[in-house]
Amino acid sequence: MENKLYVGNLSYSSNESSLQTLFEQAGTVKSVQIIKDRETGRSKGFAFVEMETEEEAQKAIGLFNGKELDGRALKVNIARPREERGGSGGDDRRRGYRGGGGRSQKQGSGDRGWS
């Protein structure tokens, strides 16, 4: 079923109640979840809205993608499953690896800038 929507470019002042009211214009809203930062509790600027049916989800995309809410143009599309997100690059960054093979870059040395 493709009835879970990603709603991006949210204003930090948007709340779940205002999203529910908006998306009810397209049909029955099963759930609304604004994603928040674990440490600060502040909105990350996106949410997931689950509609009752795929048809209502498609209607919501048509009605609200690009529509302004709280001064921001919404981005609305079908939510992708979590497992499709990025690879393991985040682990390397957390460990402090920066890539580049250990070479340092110096300005003005050589034609490619590598020493």
Protein backbone atom coordinates (compact mmCIF):
# COMPACT_ATOMS: atom_id res chain seq x y z
CA MET A 1 0.00 0.00 0.00
CA GLU A 2 1.25 3.43 -0.98
CA ASN A 3 -0.82 5.55 1.40
CA LYS A 4 1.94 6.92 3.65
CA LEU A 5 3.09 10.37 2.60
CA TYR A 6 6.28 12.31 3.21
CA VAL A 7 5.56 15.98 3.88
CA GLY A 8 8.66 18.15 3.65
CA ASN A 9 9.64 21.81 3.90
CA LEU A 10 7.46 22.31 6.99
CA SER A 11 7.70 25.47 9.01
CA TYR A 12 8.99 24.85 12.53
CA SER A 13 5.72 26.40 13.75
CA SER A 14 3.57 23.76 11.97
CA ASN A 15 1.93 21.22 14.25
CA GLU A 16 0.27 17.84 13.86
CA SER A 17 -3.20 19.30 14.37
CA SER A 18 -2.82 21.79 11.50
CA LEU A 19 -1.50 19.03 9.21
CA GLN A 20 -4.38 16.73 10.14
CA THR A 21 -6.92 19.48 9.37
CA LEU A 22 -5.25 20.23 6.04
CA PHE A 23 -4.95 16.62 4.86
CA GLU A 24 -8.52 15.76 5.89
CA GLN A 25 -9.55 17.78 2.83
CA ALA A 26 -8.23 14.84 0.77
CA GLY A 27 -9.85 12.08 2.84
CA THR A 28 -9.49 10.12 6.06
CA VAL A 29 -6.20 10.71 7.88
CA LYS A 30 -5.03 7.63 9.80
CA SER A 31 -1.99 9.27 11.44
CA VAL A 32 0.22 12.36 11.46
CA GLN A 33 3.74 12.38 12.85
CA ILE A 34 6.04 15.40 12.77
CA ILE A 35 9.62 14.16 13.09
CA LYS A 36 11.52 15.83 15.91
CA ASP A 37 15.15 16.00 16.95
CA ARG A 38 15.76 13.55 19.80
CA GLU A 39 17.94 15.94 21.78
CA THR A 40 16.14 19.26 21.35
CA GLY A 41 12.58 18.13 20.65
CA ARG A 42 12.45 20.67 17.82
CA SER A 43 10.80 19.77 14.51
CA LYS A 44 13.18 18.58 11.79
CA GLY A 45 10.95 20.22 9.19
CA PHE A 46 9.22 17.12 7.86
CA ALA A 47 6.40 14.76 8.75
CA PHE A 48 4.65 11.58 7.71
CA VAL A 49 0.92 11.54 7.06
CA GLU A 50 -0.86 8.23 6.55
CA MET A 51 -4.08 8.34 4.56
CA GLU A 52 -6.82 5.67 4.67
CA THR A 53 -6.44 4.67 1.00
CA GLU A 54 -3.96 4.96 -1.84
CA GLU A 55 -6.50 7.03 -3.78
CA GLU A 56 -6.73 9.55 -0.91
CA ALA A 57 -2.93 9.69 -0.72
CA GLN A 58 -2.73 10.49 -4.45
CA LYS A 59 -5.43 13.13 -4.03
CA ALA A 60 -3.46 14.69 -1.16
CA ILE A 61 -0.32 14.85 -3.31
CA GLY A 62 -2.28 16.61 -6.04
CA LEU A 63 -3.87 19.07 -3.62
CA PHE A 64 -0.96 19.89 -1.33
CA ASN A 65 2.36 19.42 -3.16
CA GLY A 66 3.56 23.02 -3.57
CA LYS A 67 0.74 24.43 -1.42
CA GLU A 68 1.80 27.01 1.14
CA LEU A 69 1.35 26.23 4.84
CA ASP A 70 2.67 28.57 7.54
CA GLY A 71 4.66 30.49 4.93
CA ARG A 72 6.40 27.45 3.36
CA ALA A 73 5.63 25.58 0.11
CA LEU A 74 5.03 21.95 1.08
CA LYS A 75 6.72 19.03 -0.66
CA VAL A 76 4.35 16.05 -0.60
CA ASN A 77 5.06 12.63 -2.09
CA ILE A 78 4.82 8.93 -1.33
CA ALA A 79 7.06 8.04 1.61
CA ARG A 80 9.91 5.65 0.81
CA PRO A 81 10.59 2.71 3.11
CA ARG A 82 13.41 3.28 5.61
CA GLU A 83 15.61 0.50 4.26
CA GLU A 84 16.10 2.44 0.98
CA ARG A 85 18.01 5.24 2.72
CA GLY A 86 21.80 5.82 2.45
CA GLY A 87 24.61 3.34 3.02
CA SER A 88 27.14 2.97 5.80
CA GLY A 89 28.91 6.30 5.19
CA GLY A 90 27.51 7.69 8.43
CA ASP A 91 29.50 5.18 10.48
CA ASP A 92 32.79 6.35 8.98
CA ARG A 93 32.00 10.00 9.65
CA ARG A 94 31.17 9.26 13.28
CA ARG A 95 34.53 7.55 13.68
CA GLY A 96 36.31 10.60 12.29
CA TYR A 97 37.34 9.11 8.92
CA ARG A 98 37.33 11.76 6.24
CA GLY A 99 38.48 9.85 3.18
CA GLY A 100 41.15 11.08 0.78
CA GLY A 101 43.63 8.26 1.37
CA GLY A 102 45.62 10.12 4.00
CA ARG A 103 46.98 12.71 1.56
CA SER A 104 46.91 16.32 2.64
CA GLN A 105 45.99 19.07 0.25
CA LYS A 106 48.22 22.12 -0.03
CA GLN A 107 47.44 25.14 -2.15
CA GLY A 108 49.80 25.83 -4.99
CA SER A 109 51.73 22.53 -4.94
CA GLY A 110 51.52 20.59 -8.17
CA ASP A 111 48.89 20.73 -10.84
CA ARG A 112 46.27 18.85 -8.75
CA GLY A 113 47.03 20.37 -5.38
CA TRP A 114 48.20 17.13 -3.75
CA SER A 115 51.46 16.77 -1.90
